[in-house]
Amino acid sequence: MSYGYSQSLVEANKRASIKSLGVALGRLCIKHEVSVSELAKELHVSRMTIYNWFWGLRTPTIHLQPRVIKYIEYLKKRK
């Protein structure tokens, strides 16, 4: 289990489609141990929004997608 993520969230994220921007973000955040609170603050959304993205229940809105993509690129460059 990573950075306080529940096992059910980690498993749901693994099962969800990687084609979803929110799921892709979730996988990287879990891998790099980025907390939901930290991410929510960074993207100016609620923690529940982040959880919904990670579970694959919702996707980032069109106006948030550029910031999410930028954050994904940032995480991919981290070691």
C-alpha atoms as a PDB file:
ATOM      1  CA  MET A   1       0.000   0.000   0.000  1.00  0.00           C
ATOM      2  CA  SER A   2       1.337   3.459  -0.909  1.00  0.00           C
ATOM      3  CA  TYR A   3       1.195   6.743   0.966  1.00  0.00           C
ATOM      4  CA  GLY A   4      -1.994   6.047   2.832  1.00  0.00           C
ATOM      5  CA  TYR A   5      -3.943   4.841  -0.181  1.00  0.00           C
ATOM      6  CA  SER A   6      -6.429   2.141   0.690  1.00  0.00           C
ATOM      7  CA  GLN A   7      -5.956  -1.234  -0.894  1.00  0.00           C
ATOM      8  CA  SER A   8      -9.397  -0.925  -2.500  1.00  0.00           C
ATOM      9  CA  LEU A   9      -8.394   2.346  -4.201  1.00  0.00           C
ATOM     10  CA  VAL A  10      -5.114   0.883  -5.438  1.00  0.00           C
ATOM     11  CA  GLU A  11      -6.902  -2.184  -6.806  1.00  0.00           C
ATOM     12  CA  ALA A  12      -9.696  -0.130  -8.414  1.00  0.00           C
ATOM     13  CA  ASN A  13      -7.107   2.112 -10.034  1.00  0.00           C
ATOM     14  CA  LYS A  14      -5.314  -0.940 -11.448  1.00  0.00           C
ATOM     15  CA  ARG A  15      -8.589  -2.277 -12.883  1.00  0.00           C
ATOM     16  CA  ALA A  16      -9.714   1.064 -14.371  1.00  0.00           C
ATOM     17  CA  SER A  17      -8.890   2.017 -17.941  1.00  0.00           C
ATOM     18  CA  ILE A  18      -5.516   3.700 -18.340  1.00  0.00           C
ATOM     19  CA  LYS A  19      -7.108   5.654 -21.201  1.00  0.00           C
ATOM     20  CA  SER A  20      -8.710   7.827 -18.541  1.00  0.00           C
ATOM     21  CA  LEU A  21      -6.568  10.844 -17.706  1.00  0.00           C
ATOM     22  CA  GLY A  22      -7.583  10.635 -14.055  1.00  0.00           C
ATOM     23  CA  VAL A  23      -6.659   6.960 -13.804  1.00  0.00           C
ATOM     24  CA  ALA A  24      -3.287   7.618 -15.427  1.00  0.00           C
ATOM     25  CA  LEU A  25      -2.696  10.412 -12.932  1.00  0.00           C
ATOM     26  CA  GLY A  26      -3.709   8.093 -10.107  1.00  0.00           C
ATOM     27  CA  ARG A  27      -1.251   5.394 -11.095  1.00  0.00           C
ATOM     28  CA  LEU A  28       1.606   7.871 -11.119  1.00  0.00           C
ATOM     29  CA  CYS A  29       0.578   9.461  -7.825  1.00  0.00           C
ATOM     30  CA  ILE A  30       0.397   6.052  -6.173  1.00  0.00           C
ATOM     31  CA  LYS A  31       3.767   5.083  -7.639  1.00  0.00           C
ATOM     32  CA  HIS A  32       5.441   8.348  -6.599  1.00  0.00           C
ATOM     33  CA  GLU A  33       3.654   8.552  -3.243  1.00  0.00           C
ATOM     34  CA  VAL A  34       1.900  11.851  -3.917  1.00  0.00           C
ATOM     35  CA  SER A  35      -0.880  12.371  -1.398  1.00  0.00           C
ATOM     36  CA  VAL A  36      -4.429  13.104  -2.480  1.00  0.00           C
ATOM     37  CA  SER A  37      -4.399  16.225  -0.307  1.00  0.00           C
ATOM     38  CA  GLU A  38      -1.222  17.507  -1.950  1.00  0.00           C
ATOM     39  CA  LEU A  39      -2.609  16.868  -5.430  1.00  0.00           C
ATOM     40  CA  ALA A  40      -5.991  18.426  -4.655  1.00  0.00           C
ATOM     41  CA  LYS A  41      -4.256  21.538  -3.394  1.00  0.00           C
ATOM     42  CA  GLU A  42      -1.985  21.674  -6.444  1.00  0.00           C
ATOM     43  CA  LEU A  43      -4.888  21.331  -8.911  1.00  0.00           C
ATOM     44  CA  HIS A  44      -7.386  23.408  -6.872  1.00  0.00           C
ATOM     45  CA  VAL A  45     -10.000  20.665  -6.662  1.00  0.00           C
ATOM     46  CA  SER A  46     -11.498  18.691  -3.788  1.00  0.00           C
ATOM     47  CA  ARG A  47     -10.030  15.478  -2.459  1.00  0.00           C
ATOM     48  CA  MET A  48     -13.247  13.706  -3.489  1.00  0.00           C
ATOM     49  CA  THR A  49     -12.681  14.856  -7.075  1.00  0.00           C
ATOM     50  CA  ILE A  50      -9.214  13.306  -7.006  1.00  0.00           C
ATOM     51  CA  TYR A  51     -10.572  10.040  -5.592  1.00  0.00           C
ATOM     52  CA  ASN A  52     -13.242   9.927  -8.316  1.00  0.00           C
ATOM     53  CA  TRP A  53     -10.548  10.374 -10.971  1.00  0.00           C
ATOM     54  CA  PHE A  54      -8.337   7.682  -9.454  1.00  0.00           C
ATOM     55  CA  TRP A  55     -11.258   5.225  -9.256  1.00  0.00           C
ATOM     56  CA  GLY A  56     -12.133   5.973 -12.884  1.00  0.00           C
ATOM     57  CA  LEU A  57     -15.595   7.260 -11.932  1.00  0.00           C
ATOM     58  CA  ARG A  58     -15.004  10.728 -13.385  1.00  0.00           C
ATOM     59  CA  THR A  59     -12.506  12.409 -15.671  1.00  0.00           C
ATOM     60  CA  PRO A  60     -10.930  15.837 -15.341  1.00  0.00           C
ATOM     61  CA  THR A  61     -13.000  18.573 -16.964  1.00  0.00           C
ATOM     62  CA  ILE A  62     -11.754  20.105 -20.175  1.00  0.00           C
ATOM     63  CA  HIS A  63     -10.467  23.227 -18.411  1.00  0.00           C
ATOM     64  CA  LEU A  64      -8.453  21.113 -15.927  1.00  0.00           C
ATOM     65  CA  GLN A  65      -6.969  18.738 -18.471  1.00  0.00           C
ATOM     66  CA  PRO A  66      -3.950  20.918 -19.385  1.00  0.00           C
ATOM     67  CA  ARG A  67      -2.947  21.197 -15.707  1.00  0.00           C
ATOM     68  CA  VAL A  68      -3.453  17.475 -15.180  1.00  0.00           C
ATOM     69  CA  ILE A  69      -1.341  16.655 -18.236  1.00  0.00           C
ATOM     70  CA  LYS A  70       1.375  19.015 -17.024  1.00  0.00           C
ATOM     71  CA  TYR A  71       1.361  17.302 -13.612  1.00  0.00           C
ATOM     72  CA  ILE A  72       1.523  13.860 -15.245  1.00  0.00           C
ATOM     73  CA  GLU A  73       4.550  14.990 -17.260  1.00  0.00           C
ATOM     74  CA  TYR A  74       6.139  16.322 -14.064  1.00  0.00           C
ATOM     75  CA  LEU A  75       5.613  12.978 -12.296  1.00  0.00           C
ATOM     76  CA  LYS A  76       6.992  10.991 -15.226  1.00  0.00           C
ATOM     77  CA  LYS A  77      10.249  12.943 -14.955  1.00  0.00           C
ATOM     78  CA  ARG A  78      10.614  12.196 -11.231  1.00  0.00           C
ATOM     79  CA  LYS A  79      12.838   9.355 -10.183  1.00  0.00           C
END
